[in-house]
PDB file of N, CA and C in Angstrom:
ATOM      1  N   UNK A   1      -1.753 -12.146   9.843  1.00  0.00           N
ATOM      2  CA  UNK A   1      -1.122 -11.510  10.027  1.00  0.00           C
ATOM      3  C   UNK A   1       0.051 -10.330   9.043  1.00  0.00           C
ATOM      4  N   UNK A   2      -0.316 -11.729   7.894  1.00  0.00           N
ATOM      5  CA  UNK A   2       0.310 -11.373   6.453  1.00  0.00           C
ATOM      6  C   UNK A   2      -0.712 -10.209   5.723  1.00  0.00           C
ATOM      7  N   UNK A   3      -1.656 -10.950   6.212  1.00  0.00           N
ATOM      8  CA  UNK A   3      -2.759 -10.085   5.225  1.00  0.00           C
ATOM      9  C   UNK A   3      -3.192  -9.017   5.879  1.00  0.00           C
ATOM     10  N   UNK A   4      -2.267  -8.496   7.514  1.00  0.00           N
ATOM     11  CA  UNK A   4      -3.160  -7.529   8.162  1.00  0.00           C
ATOM     12  C   UNK A   4      -1.894  -6.576   7.463  1.00  0.00           C
ATOM     13  N   UNK A   5      -1.281  -6.804   7.436  1.00  0.00           N
ATOM     14  CA  UNK A   5      -0.080  -6.092   7.066  1.00  0.00           C
ATOM     15  C   UNK A   5      -0.166  -5.796   5.484  1.00  0.00           C
ATOM     16  N   UNK A   6      -0.250  -6.515   4.700  1.00  0.00           N
ATOM     17  CA  UNK A   6      -0.904  -6.268   3.712  1.00  0.00           C
ATOM     18  C   UNK A   6      -2.483  -5.545   2.970  1.00  0.00           C
ATOM     19  N   UNK A   7      -3.227  -5.458   3.723  1.00  0.00           N
ATOM     20  CA  UNK A   7      -4.153  -4.589   4.084  1.00  0.00           C
ATOM     21  C   UNK A   7      -3.405  -3.012   4.381  1.00  0.00           C
ATOM     22  N   UNK A   8      -2.675  -3.129   5.142  1.00  0.00           N
ATOM     23  CA  UNK A   8      -2.163  -1.487   6.333  1.00  0.00           C
ATOM     24  C   UNK A   8      -1.189  -0.892   4.436  1.00  0.00           C
ATOM     25  N   UNK A   9      -0.115  -1.397   4.379  1.00  0.00           N
ATOM     26  CA  UNK A   9       0.046  -1.449   3.075  1.00  0.00           C
ATOM     27  C   UNK A   9      -1.009  -0.310   1.986  1.00  0.00           C
ATOM     28  N   UNK A  10      -1.686  -1.920   1.404  1.00  0.00           N
ATOM     29  CA  UNK A  10      -2.448  -0.864   0.747  1.00  0.00           C
ATOM     30  C   UNK A  10      -2.839   0.366   1.176  1.00  0.00           C
ATOM     31  N   UNK A  11      -4.207  -0.115   2.183  1.00  0.00           N
ATOM     32  CA  UNK A  11      -4.475   1.798   3.116  1.00  0.00           C
ATOM     33  C   UNK A  11      -3.027   2.959   2.733  1.00  0.00           C
ATOM     34  N   UNK A  12      -2.450   2.581   3.016  1.00  0.00           N
ATOM     35  CA  UNK A  12      -1.149   3.958   2.770  1.00  0.00           C
ATOM     36  C   UNK A  12      -1.494   4.152   1.434  1.00  0.00           C
ATOM     37  N   UNK A  13      -1.386   3.203   0.429  1.00  0.00           N
ATOM     38  CA  UNK A  13      -0.836   3.340  -1.012  1.00  0.00           C
ATOM     39  C   UNK A  13      -2.017   4.540  -1.690  1.00  0.00           C
ATOM     40  N   UNK A  14      -3.539   4.323  -0.612  1.00  0.00           N
ATOM     41  CA  UNK A  14      -4.966   5.060  -1.020  1.00  0.00           C
ATOM     42  C   UNK A  14      -4.845   5.980  -0.783  1.00  0.00           C
ATOM     43  N   UNK A  15      -4.036   6.097   0.489  1.00  0.00           N
ATOM     44  CA  UNK A  15      -3.551   7.519   1.361  1.00  0.00           C
ATOM     45  C   UNK A  15      -2.875   7.672   0.124  1.00  0.00           C
ATOM     46  N   UNK A  16      -1.840   8.027  -0.197  1.00  0.00           N
ATOM     47  CA  UNK A  16      -0.960   8.456  -0.951  1.00  0.00           C
ATOM     48  C   UNK A  16      -1.221   9.100  -2.192  1.00  0.00           C
ATOM     49  N   UNK A  17      -2.154   7.702  -2.905  1.00  0.00           N
ATOM     50  CA  UNK A  17      -1.949   8.125  -4.088  1.00  0.00           C
ATOM     51  C   UNK A  17      -3.110   9.062  -4.203  1.00  0.00           C
ATOM     52  N   UNK A  18      -4.581   9.417  -3.472  1.00  0.00           N
ATOM     53  CA  UNK A  18      -5.766  10.533  -2.723  1.00  0.00           C
ATOM     54  C   UNK A  18      -5.453  10.942  -2.448  1.00  0.00           C
ATOM     55  N   UNK A  19      -4.722  10.993  -1.992  1.00  0.00           N
ATOM     56  CA  UNK A  19      -4.420  11.987  -0.972  1.00  0.00           C
ATOM     57  C   UNK A  19      -4.077  13.458  -0.842  1.00  0.00           C
ATOM     58  N   UNK A  20      -3.886  13.813  -2.097  1.00  0.00           N
ATOM     59  CA  UNK A  20      -4.316  15.117  -2.200  1.00  0.00           C
ATOM     60  C   UNK A  20      -5.970  15.401  -2.370  1.00  0.00           C
ATOM     61  N   UNK A  21      -6.149  14.870  -3.386  1.00  0.00           N
ATOM     62  CA  UNK A  21      -7.963  15.552  -3.347  1.00  0.00           C
ATOM     63  C   UNK A  21      -8.272  15.498  -1.717  1.00  0.00           C
ATOM     64  N   UNK A  22      -7.197  14.411  -0.708  1.00  0.00           N
ATOM     65  CA  UNK A  22      -8.177  15.387   0.136  1.00  0.00           C
ATOM     66  C   UNK A  22      -8.510  15.869   1.171  1.00  0.00           C
ATOM     67  N   UNK A  23      -7.422  16.004   0.950  1.00  0.00           N
ATOM     68  CA  UNK A  23      -6.411  18.135   1.832  1.00  0.00           C
ATOM     69  C   UNK A  23      -4.884  17.914   0.840  1.00  0.00           C
ATOM     70  N   UNK A  24      -4.717  19.718   0.326  1.00  0.00           N
ATOM     71  CA  UNK A  24      -4.338  20.267  -0.107  1.00  0.00           C
ATOM     72  C   UNK A  24      -2.681  20.453   0.318  1.00  0.00           C
ATOM     73  N   UNK A  25      -3.018  19.878   1.701  1.00  0.00           N
ATOM     74  CA  UNK A  25      -1.780  19.953   2.478  1.00  0.00           C
ATOM     75  C   UNK A  25      -1.081  18.428   3.222  1.00  0.00           C
ATOM     76  N   UNK A  26      -1.652  17.410   2.350  1.00  0.00           N
ATOM     77  CA  UNK A  26      -0.803  16.271   2.678  1.00  0.00           C
ATOM     78  C   UNK A  26       0.502  15.923   1.728  1.00  0.00           C
ATOM     79  N   UNK A  27       1.219  15.827   2.530  1.00  0.00           N
ATOM     80  CA  UNK A  27       2.526  15.625   1.309  1.00  0.00           C
ATOM     81  C   UNK A  27       2.425  14.974   0.277  1.00  0.00           C
ATOM     82  N   UNK A  28       3.482  15.217  -0.017  1.00  0.00           N
ATOM     83  CA  UNK A  28       3.650  14.322  -1.615  1.00  0.00           C
ATOM     84  C   UNK A  28       4.618  12.893  -1.313  1.00  0.00           C
ATOM     85  N   UNK A  29       4.176  11.447  -1.711  1.00  0.00           N
ATOM     86  CA  UNK A  29       5.301  10.501  -1.157  1.00  0.00           C
ATOM     87  C   UNK A  29       6.043  10.371  -3.244  1.00  0.00           C
ATOM     88  N   UNK A  30       5.824  11.053  -3.758  1.00  0.00           N
ATOM     89  CA  UNK A  30       6.082  10.280  -5.016  1.00  0.00           C
ATOM     90  C   UNK A  30       6.235   8.787  -5.426  1.00  0.00           C
ATOM     91  N   UNK A  31       7.351   8.375  -6.026  1.00  0.00           N
ATOM     92  CA  UNK A  31       7.246   6.856  -5.925  1.00  0.00           C
ATOM     93  C   UNK A  31       7.147   5.926  -4.754  1.00  0.00           C
ATOM     94  N   UNK A  32       7.040   6.176  -3.543  1.00  0.00           N
ATOM     95  CA  UNK A  32       6.660   5.286  -2.628  1.00  0.00           C
ATOM     96  C   UNK A  32       5.145   4.628  -2.125  1.00  0.00           C
ATOM     97  N   UNK A  33       4.801   5.323  -3.361  1.00  0.00           N
ATOM     98  CA  UNK A  33       2.918   4.781  -3.942  1.00  0.00           C
ATOM     99  C   UNK A  33       3.114   3.226  -4.393  1.00  0.00           C
ATOM    100  N   UNK A  34       3.821   3.245  -5.065  1.00  0.00           N
ATOM    101  CA  UNK A  34       3.533   2.738  -6.161  1.00  0.00           C
ATOM    102  C   UNK A  34       4.762   1.016  -5.254  1.00  0.00           C
ATOM    103  N   UNK A  35       5.308   1.557  -4.900  1.00  0.00           N
ATOM    104  CA  UNK A  35       6.929   0.684  -3.977  1.00  0.00           C
ATOM    105  C   UNK A  35       5.925  -0.116  -2.937  1.00  0.00           C
ATOM    106  N   UNK A  36       5.024   0.564  -2.288  1.00  0.00           N
ATOM    107  CA  UNK A  36       3.585   0.357  -0.963  1.00  0.00           C
ATOM    108  C   UNK A  36       2.492  -0.927  -1.734  1.00  0.00           C
ATOM    109  N   UNK A  37       2.333  -0.529  -2.976  1.00  0.00           N
ATOM    110  CA  UNK A  37       0.871  -1.017  -3.584  1.00  0.00           C
ATOM    111  C   UNK A  37       1.802  -2.620  -4.329  1.00  0.00           C
ATOM    112  N   UNK A  38       2.823  -2.324  -5.069  1.00  0.00           N
ATOM    113  CA  UNK A  38       4.317  -3.004  -5.370  1.00  0.00           C
ATOM    114  C   UNK A  38       4.377  -4.601  -4.016  1.00  0.00           C
ATOM    115  N   UNK A  39       4.895  -4.092  -2.808  1.00  0.00           N
ATOM    116  CA  UNK A  39       4.967  -5.200  -1.811  1.00  0.00           C
ATOM    117  C   UNK A  39       3.718  -5.711  -1.471  1.00  0.00           C
ATOM    118  N   UNK A  40       2.632  -5.211  -1.381  1.00  0.00           N
ATOM    119  CA  UNK A  40       0.835  -5.629  -1.130  1.00  0.00           C
ATOM    120  C   UNK A  40       0.611  -6.445  -1.796  1.00  0.00           C
ATOM    121  N   UNK A  41       0.998  -6.212  -3.033  1.00  0.00           N
ATOM    122  CA  UNK A  41       0.686  -7.272  -3.690  1.00  0.00           C
ATOM    123  C   UNK A  41       1.430  -8.409  -3.554  1.00  0.00           C
ATOM    124  N   UNK A  42       2.901  -8.647  -3.739  1.00  0.00           N
ATOM    125  CA  UNK A  42       3.421  -9.357  -3.284  1.00  0.00           C
ATOM    126  C   UNK A  42       3.437 -10.259  -1.726  1.00  0.00           C
ATOM    127  N   UNK A  43       3.120  -9.498  -1.249  1.00  0.00           N
ATOM    128  CA  UNK A  43       2.749  -9.975   0.034  1.00  0.00           C
ATOM    129  C   UNK A  43       1.338 -11.372   0.089  1.00  0.00           C
ATOM    130  N   UNK A  44       0.347 -10.801  -0.968  1.00  0.00           N
ATOM    131  CA  UNK A  44      -0.838 -11.626  -0.549  1.00  0.00           C
ATOM    132  C   UNK A  44      -0.486 -12.463  -1.580  1.00  0.00           C
ATOM    133  N   UNK A  45       0.203 -12.393  -2.797  1.00  0.00           N
ATOM    134  CA  UNK A  45       0.092 -13.470  -3.807  1.00  0.00           C
ATOM    135  C   UNK A  45       1.109 -14.683  -2.909  1.00  0.00           C
ATOM    136  N   UNK A  46       2.485 -14.306  -2.350  1.00  0.00           N
ATOM    137  CA  UNK A  46       2.807 -15.085  -1.641  1.00  0.00           C
ATOM    138  C   UNK A  46       2.194 -16.361   0.074  1.00  0.00           C
ATOM    139  N   UNK A  47       1.475 -15.635   0.064  1.00  0.00           N
ATOM    140  CA  UNK A  47      -0.059 -15.734   1.249  1.00  0.00           C
ATOM    141  C   UNK A  47      -0.297 -16.650   0.085  1.00  0.00           C
ATOM    142  N   UNK A  48      -1.367 -17.279  -0.881  1.00  0.00           N
ATOM    143  CA  UNK A  48      -2.037 -17.178  -1.523  1.00  0.00           C
ATOM    144  C   UNK A  48      -1.254 -19.026  -1.875  1.00  0.00           C
ATOM    145  N   UNK A  49      -0.445 -18.678  -2.360  1.00  0.00           N
ATOM    146  CA  UNK A  49       0.728 -19.577  -2.718  1.00  0.00           C
ATOM    147  C   UNK A  49       1.113 -20.288  -1.730  1.00  0.00           C
ATOM    148  N   UNK A  50       0.903 -20.084  -0.408  1.00  0.00           N
ATOM    149  CA  UNK A  50       1.464 -20.643   0.622  1.00  0.00           C
ATOM    150  C   UNK A  50       2.909 -21.214   1.618  1.00  0.00           C
ATOM    151  N   UNK A  51       3.471 -20.054   0.913  1.00  0.00           N
ATOM    152  CA  UNK A  51       5.319 -19.245   0.562  1.00  0.00           C
ATOM    153  C   UNK A  51       5.389 -19.347   2.426  1.00  0.00           C
ATOM    154  N   UNK A  52       4.602 -17.806   2.468  1.00  0.00           N
ATOM    155  CA  UNK A  52       4.541 -17.627   3.878  1.00  0.00           C
ATOM    156  C   UNK A  52       4.179 -18.326   5.051  1.00  0.00           C
TER     157      UNK A  52
END
């Protein structure tokens, strides 16, 4: 379950990061892109350490 959430966050981050190249009408996400990838990385690290 935790890995699924991390994968979804990474996909959302990729969409936000490359969204302008896909479609000019794609909404700007600003700093939320970086927040999503940080949360995803923290979740993966916690899962690998067995904390969660």
